Amino acid sequence: MNAVLPILLVSLLLLAGCAAKVDSLLANLVELAENGDADGQYRLGVRYTNGSGVRQDYATAAHWLDLAAAQGH
């Protein structure tokens, strides 16, 4: 049992670091999309379609995908 605790703590720290990176990447993607970047809008729309890193929301997905499509993406 004593050997499991350090492994568990290291695993939790690694997961926390990964979650922080995902949050940072998502924040950057949202910023790109909100600033009119067609690729950012498309990628954000796909994330909302699939529920990847965000709550699945087809209306929000359609919003971002429509904006990207209006720019020819």
Protein backbone atom coordinates (compact mmCIF):
# COMPACT_ATOMS: atom_id res chain seq x y z
CA MET A 1 0.00 0.00 0.00
CA ASN A 2 2.83 2.44 0.81
CA ALA A 3 4.30 2.02 -2.69
CA VAL A 4 0.95 2.83 -4.32
CA LEU A 5 0.57 6.27 -2.74
CA PRO A 6 3.52 7.96 -4.52
CA ILE A 7 2.41 6.51 -7.84
CA LEU A 8 -1.12 7.76 -7.25
CA LEU A 9 0.11 11.25 -6.32
CA VAL A 10 2.34 11.49 -9.41
CA SER A 11 -0.54 10.31 -11.60
CA LEU A 12 -2.86 12.96 -10.15
CA LEU A 13 -0.28 15.69 -10.71
CA LEU A 14 0.20 14.60 -14.33
CA LEU A 15 -3.55 14.60 -14.92
CA ALA A 16 -3.87 18.06 -13.42
CA GLY A 17 -1.15 19.31 -15.74
CA CYS A 18 -2.89 17.81 -18.76
CA ALA A 19 -6.20 19.38 -17.78
CA ALA A 20 -4.53 22.78 -17.48
CA LYS A 21 -3.04 22.41 -20.98
CA VAL A 22 -6.43 21.43 -22.41
CA ASP A 23 -8.06 24.46 -20.76
CA SER A 24 -5.34 26.72 -22.15
CA LEU A 25 -5.66 25.29 -25.67
CA LEU A 26 -9.44 25.66 -25.55
CA ALA A 27 -9.14 29.26 -24.36
CA ASN A 28 -6.79 30.03 -27.26
CA LEU A 29 -9.18 28.38 -29.71
CA VAL A 30 -12.13 30.40 -28.39
CA GLU A 31 -10.09 33.59 -28.70
CA LEU A 32 -9.21 32.79 -32.32
CA ALA A 33 -12.83 31.98 -33.15
CA GLU A 34 -14.18 35.11 -31.48
CA ASN A 35 -11.66 37.21 -33.41
CA GLY A 36 -12.96 35.89 -36.72
CA ASP A 37 -10.40 33.18 -37.52
CA ALA A 38 -12.24 30.79 -39.85
CA ASP A 39 -10.13 27.77 -38.92
CA GLY A 40 -10.62 28.52 -35.22
CA GLN A 41 -14.36 28.82 -35.75
CA TYR A 42 -14.45 25.54 -37.63
CA ARG A 43 -12.36 23.69 -35.04
CA LEU A 44 -14.47 25.09 -32.20
CA GLY A 45 -17.64 24.05 -34.03
CA VAL A 46 -16.29 20.52 -34.41
CA ARG A 47 -15.47 20.41 -30.68
CA TYR A 48 -19.04 21.42 -29.81
CA THR A 49 -20.39 18.85 -32.27
CA ASN A 50 -18.36 16.04 -30.70
CA GLY A 51 -18.33 17.28 -27.10
CA SER A 52 -14.53 17.34 -27.15
CA GLY A 53 -13.39 19.41 -24.17
CA VAL A 54 -16.75 21.18 -24.05
CA ARG A 55 -20.33 20.19 -23.33
CA GLN A 56 -21.85 18.84 -26.54
CA ASP A 57 -24.12 21.54 -27.95
CA TYR A 58 -25.35 21.31 -31.53
CA ALA A 59 -26.75 24.87 -31.61
CA THR A 60 -23.41 26.33 -30.57
CA ALA A 61 -21.64 24.01 -33.00
CA ALA A 62 -23.87 25.24 -35.83
CA HIS A 63 -23.15 28.86 -34.89
CA TRP A 64 -19.37 28.41 -35.16
CA LEU A 65 -19.55 26.20 -38.23
CA ASP A 66 -21.85 28.70 -40.00
CA LEU A 67 -19.41 31.53 -39.28
CA ALA A 68 -16.53 29.46 -40.66
CA ALA A 69 -18.53 28.50 -43.74
CA ALA A 70 -19.42 32.14 -44.40
CA GLN A 71 -15.68 32.75 -44.77
CA GLY A 72 -15.29 29.86 -47.20
CA HIS A 73 -13.94 27.31 -44.74
